[in-house]
Amino acid sequence: MIDLIDRENKILDAGCGTGLVGIALKQKGYESVDGFDLSEEMIKVAAATGVYKSLNSGIDMTKKK
């Protein structure tokens, strides 16, 4: 699982969904986690976890800008 030495590393949870990875990172002591997901509804669920510094929706990694 996730176990980097430097807990101060900034982490991006790409496609964060409901925030389960963010929760696991928080439990491991990581404080600087940002997330994004395509779905606004998933972002609402992830936001309720309280573990993300910032969250953004509508980001589709399969599309070029």
N, C-alpha and C. Protein backbone atom coordinates (compact mmCIF):
# COMPACT_ATOMS: atom_id res chain seq x y z
N MET A 1 0.84 -1.19 0.00
CA MET A 1 0.00 0.00 0.00
C MET A 1 0.88 1.23 0.00
N ILE A 2 0.28 2.36 0.23
CA ILE A 2 0.95 3.65 0.19
C ILE A 2 1.76 3.84 1.46
N ASP A 3 3.06 4.11 1.30
CA ASP A 3 3.88 4.36 2.48
C ASP A 3 5.15 5.11 2.08
N LEU A 4 4.99 6.35 1.64
CA LEU A 4 6.13 7.19 1.33
C LEU A 4 6.75 7.69 2.62
N ILE A 5 8.03 7.98 2.57
CA ILE A 5 8.72 8.45 3.76
C ILE A 5 8.28 9.86 4.14
N ASP A 6 8.19 10.76 3.15
CA ASP A 6 7.88 12.16 3.41
C ASP A 6 6.36 12.40 3.39
N ARG A 7 5.77 12.51 4.54
CA ARG A 7 4.33 12.73 4.65
C ARG A 7 3.91 14.14 4.22
N GLU A 8 4.91 15.00 3.93
CA GLU A 8 4.64 16.36 3.48
C GLU A 8 4.47 16.44 1.96
N ASN A 9 4.67 15.33 1.25
CA ASN A 9 4.49 15.31 -0.20
C ASN A 9 3.08 15.72 -0.56
N LYS A 10 2.95 16.48 -1.65
CA LYS A 10 1.64 16.83 -2.18
C LYS A 10 1.17 15.70 -3.07
N ILE A 11 -0.08 15.29 -2.90
CA ILE A 11 -0.62 14.15 -3.63
C ILE A 11 -1.87 14.57 -4.38
N LEU A 12 -1.98 14.11 -5.63
CA LEU A 12 -3.17 14.34 -6.43
C LEU A 12 -3.89 13.01 -6.60
N ASP A 13 -5.12 12.95 -6.15
CA ASP A 13 -5.97 11.77 -6.31
C ASP A 13 -6.81 12.00 -7.57
N ALA A 14 -6.28 11.52 -8.70
CA ALA A 14 -6.94 11.71 -9.99
C ALA A 14 -8.08 10.70 -10.13
N GLY A 15 -9.27 11.20 -10.37
CA GLY A 15 -10.44 10.33 -10.43
C GLY A 15 -10.80 9.86 -9.04
N CYS A 16 -10.89 10.79 -8.11
CA CYS A 16 -11.02 10.47 -6.68
C CYS A 16 -12.33 9.79 -6.29
N GLY A 17 -13.34 9.89 -7.14
CA GLY A 17 -14.59 9.20 -6.83
C GLY A 17 -15.15 9.59 -5.48
N THR A 18 -15.44 8.61 -4.67
CA THR A 18 -16.05 8.87 -3.35
C THR A 18 -15.03 9.25 -2.27
N GLY A 19 -13.75 9.21 -2.60
CA GLY A 19 -12.74 9.65 -1.64
C GLY A 19 -12.10 8.56 -0.81
N LEU A 20 -12.28 7.31 -1.18
CA LEU A 20 -11.72 6.21 -0.38
C LEU A 20 -10.19 6.27 -0.31
N VAL A 21 -9.54 6.64 -1.41
CA VAL A 21 -8.08 6.74 -1.39
C VAL A 21 -7.66 7.90 -0.50
N GLY A 22 -8.39 9.00 -0.57
CA GLY A 22 -8.08 10.14 0.30
C GLY A 22 -8.18 9.77 1.77
N ILE A 23 -9.17 9.00 2.11
CA ILE A 23 -9.32 8.53 3.50
C ILE A 23 -8.14 7.67 3.90
N ALA A 24 -7.73 6.76 3.03
CA ALA A 24 -6.58 5.89 3.33
C ALA A 24 -5.31 6.71 3.49
N LEU A 25 -5.13 7.72 2.65
CA LEU A 25 -3.95 8.59 2.76
C LEU A 25 -3.96 9.35 4.07
N LYS A 26 -5.10 9.87 4.45
CA LYS A 26 -5.23 10.60 5.72
C LYS A 26 -4.89 9.69 6.90
N GLN A 27 -5.36 8.46 6.85
CA GLN A 27 -5.07 7.50 7.92
C GLN A 27 -3.58 7.19 8.00
N LYS A 28 -2.87 7.32 6.88
CA LYS A 28 -1.43 7.10 6.85
C LYS A 28 -0.64 8.34 7.25
N GLY A 29 -1.35 9.47 7.45
CA GLY A 29 -0.69 10.68 7.92
C GLY A 29 -0.42 11.72 6.86
N TYR A 30 -0.94 11.55 5.65
CA TYR A 30 -0.74 12.53 4.59
C TYR A 30 -1.78 13.63 4.73
N GLU A 31 -1.33 14.88 4.68
CA GLU A 31 -2.22 16.01 4.91
C GLU A 31 -2.51 16.83 3.66
N SER A 32 -1.65 16.76 2.65
CA SER A 32 -1.79 17.60 1.47
C SER A 32 -2.28 16.77 0.28
N VAL A 33 -3.58 16.49 0.26
CA VAL A 33 -4.17 15.69 -0.80
C VAL A 33 -5.24 16.51 -1.52
N ASP A 34 -5.09 16.63 -2.83
CA ASP A 34 -6.07 17.28 -3.69
C ASP A 34 -6.71 16.20 -4.55
N GLY A 35 -7.92 16.44 -5.01
CA GLY A 35 -8.58 15.45 -5.84
C GLY A 35 -9.41 16.06 -6.94
N PHE A 36 -9.65 15.26 -7.98
CA PHE A 36 -10.58 15.66 -9.01
C PHE A 36 -11.30 14.44 -9.56
N ASP A 37 -12.45 14.69 -10.14
CA ASP A 37 -13.25 13.63 -10.73
C ASP A 37 -14.12 14.24 -11.82
N LEU A 38 -14.56 13.44 -12.73
CA LEU A 38 -15.46 13.89 -13.78
C LEU A 38 -16.83 14.25 -13.21
N SER A 39 -17.27 13.51 -12.22
CA SER A 39 -18.62 13.63 -11.69
C SER A 39 -18.73 14.61 -10.52
N GLU A 40 -19.64 15.57 -10.66
CA GLU A 40 -19.92 16.51 -9.57
C GLU A 40 -20.49 15.77 -8.35
N GLU A 41 -21.30 14.77 -8.58
CA GLU A 41 -21.88 13.99 -7.48
C GLU A 41 -20.79 13.26 -6.67
N MET A 42 -19.80 12.70 -7.35
CA MET A 42 -18.70 12.03 -6.65
C MET A 42 -17.89 13.03 -5.84
N ILE A 43 -17.70 14.22 -6.39
CA ILE A 43 -16.97 15.26 -5.67
C ILE A 43 -17.70 15.64 -4.38
N LYS A 44 -19.00 15.69 -4.43
CA LYS A 44 -19.79 15.99 -3.22
C LYS A 44 -19.57 14.93 -2.15
N VAL A 45 -19.53 13.67 -2.57
CA VAL A 45 -19.29 12.58 -1.62
C VAL A 45 -17.86 12.67 -1.08
N ALA A 46 -16.89 12.91 -1.95
CA ALA A 46 -15.49 13.03 -1.52
C ALA A 46 -15.31 14.21 -0.57
N ALA A 47 -16.00 15.31 -0.85
CA ALA A 47 -15.89 16.50 0.01
C ALA A 47 -16.39 16.20 1.42
N ALA A 48 -17.38 15.35 1.53
CA ALA A 48 -17.94 15.01 2.84
C ALA A 48 -16.94 14.27 3.72
N THR A 49 -15.90 13.70 3.13
CA THR A 49 -14.88 13.00 3.93
C THR A 49 -14.03 13.97 4.73
N GLY A 50 -13.90 15.20 4.23
CA GLY A 50 -13.11 16.21 4.93
C GLY A 50 -11.61 16.02 4.83
N VAL A 51 -11.13 15.19 3.93
CA VAL A 51 -9.69 14.90 3.88
C VAL A 51 -8.95 15.62 2.75
N TYR A 52 -9.67 16.27 1.84
CA TYR A 52 -9.03 16.90 0.69
C TYR A 52 -8.81 18.39 0.90
N LYS A 53 -7.63 18.88 0.46
CA LYS A 53 -7.35 20.33 0.50
C LYS A 53 -8.21 21.03 -0.54
N SER A 54 -8.32 20.45 -1.74
CA SER A 54 -9.16 21.02 -2.79
C SER A 54 -9.73 19.89 -3.64
N LEU A 55 -10.89 20.15 -4.21
CA LEU A 55 -11.56 19.19 -5.09
C LEU A 55 -12.12 19.92 -6.29
N ASN A 56 -12.04 19.29 -7.45
CA ASN A 56 -12.59 19.86 -8.68
C ASN A 56 -13.33 18.78 -9.44
N SER A 57 -14.42 19.18 -10.08
CA SER A 57 -15.19 18.24 -10.89
C SER A 57 -15.13 18.65 -12.35
N GLY A 58 -15.65 17.78 -13.22
CA GLY A 58 -15.71 18.07 -14.64
C GLY A 58 -14.40 17.88 -15.37
N ILE A 59 -13.44 17.27 -14.73
CA ILE A 59 -12.14 17.05 -15.37
C ILE A 59 -12.13 15.65 -15.97
N ASP A 60 -11.96 15.61 -17.28
CA ASP A 60 -11.96 14.34 -18.03
C ASP A 60 -10.58 14.14 -18.63
N MET A 61 -9.83 13.21 -18.09
CA MET A 61 -8.45 12.97 -18.55
C MET A 61 -8.39 12.29 -19.92
N THR A 62 -9.52 11.87 -20.45
CA THR A 62 -9.51 11.24 -21.77
C THR A 62 -9.67 12.26 -22.90
N LYS A 63 -9.95 13.49 -22.55
CA LYS A 63 -10.17 14.54 -23.54
C LYS A 63 -9.03 15.55 -23.55
N LYS A 64 -8.63 15.98 -24.73
CA LYS A 64 -7.65 17.07 -24.84
C LYS A 64 -8.39 18.38 -24.77
N LYS A 65 -7.76 19.37 -24.18
CA LYS A 65 -8.38 20.70 -24.08
C LYS A 65 -8.31 21.38 -25.41
